[in-house]
């Protein structure tokens, strides 16, 4: 095995070559991406988002084999009978459940010898998660793509969470280069939870048109909104809006009155038309300039971060 270019105490404890995890992005983080990240030396996760189900999880497990991690959404796990049980039965190293206040899942996960993980957005949330016995915290800054509380940017959040954390903390939100990876590791994060920079990777489930929309975007191309969830009648708690690429649906002045918003949106999603359909993306989307293998992305980020950290220690 090659010597790791970059490591932390946490990554070494899990036998990882890289202190990175792919975020369990619904609609992007399937079995192929999880397997590719694992093969590269990181921790690969399958994500079950709003459309998560037992059938969908089993389909992606068939591609990935035994994954390193599975990520669930609290209200989806409550709606889809057997989803948490199926995730536990798959035997991953970690299970993440986020976007809720019920931590009864923690003991179920840990009883199976699996690490319990959740995302937090402020110090009180980190306290609640730790009190519930969570093994690993993900400090998710407001820069991150997809759903999350729009409260603190990553670095102020990381400061607040690390001040009170008694368990390892991963950093999430806007990390898309060696510079930003080096910054969060230097600040004390045990690793990085990477989403947007891997969403357009070759192994992602993302559609071709959504990938191209990401490649065309820059750091000013995202917005935070609940409009898609409201139009699709998805029961996301309003405290968790989504950061997405701006398009004709998010910008009201570009909308047409030809048909109801929900009908237009469903038609666009069926047609895979990102001019209206949602494309989750964080503020680091401007750094996504090529469709390339996940391993290439991760090796570049870790090599660049290692070089920066070495340069500043000499």
Foldseek 3Di string as FASTA:
>chain_A
DDQALDAFPVLVVVPFSAQEEAAQDALWQAQLQQQLCVVLRYAGEHEAPLPRELVRNVVRCVNNPQGQEYEYEVVVPVVHPCPLVSRLVSPHQEYEYEQDLDLPVCVVNVVSVHAYEYEDAALVRLVSCVVSPHQEYEHAALLFWFWDFHDHGFPVRLVGNVVPDPHAYAYHHQDQALVSQLVSVVVPHNGYHDYQNCRLAPRISHDPVLSVVLLPDALPQKDWDCQVCVLCVRPRPPSITGIWGDALQNDVVNDDVPDDLSVVAVVCVVVVNVNRYTRIHGSNSNSRNDHYHPSVSRVRSSNSNSVVVVVVVD
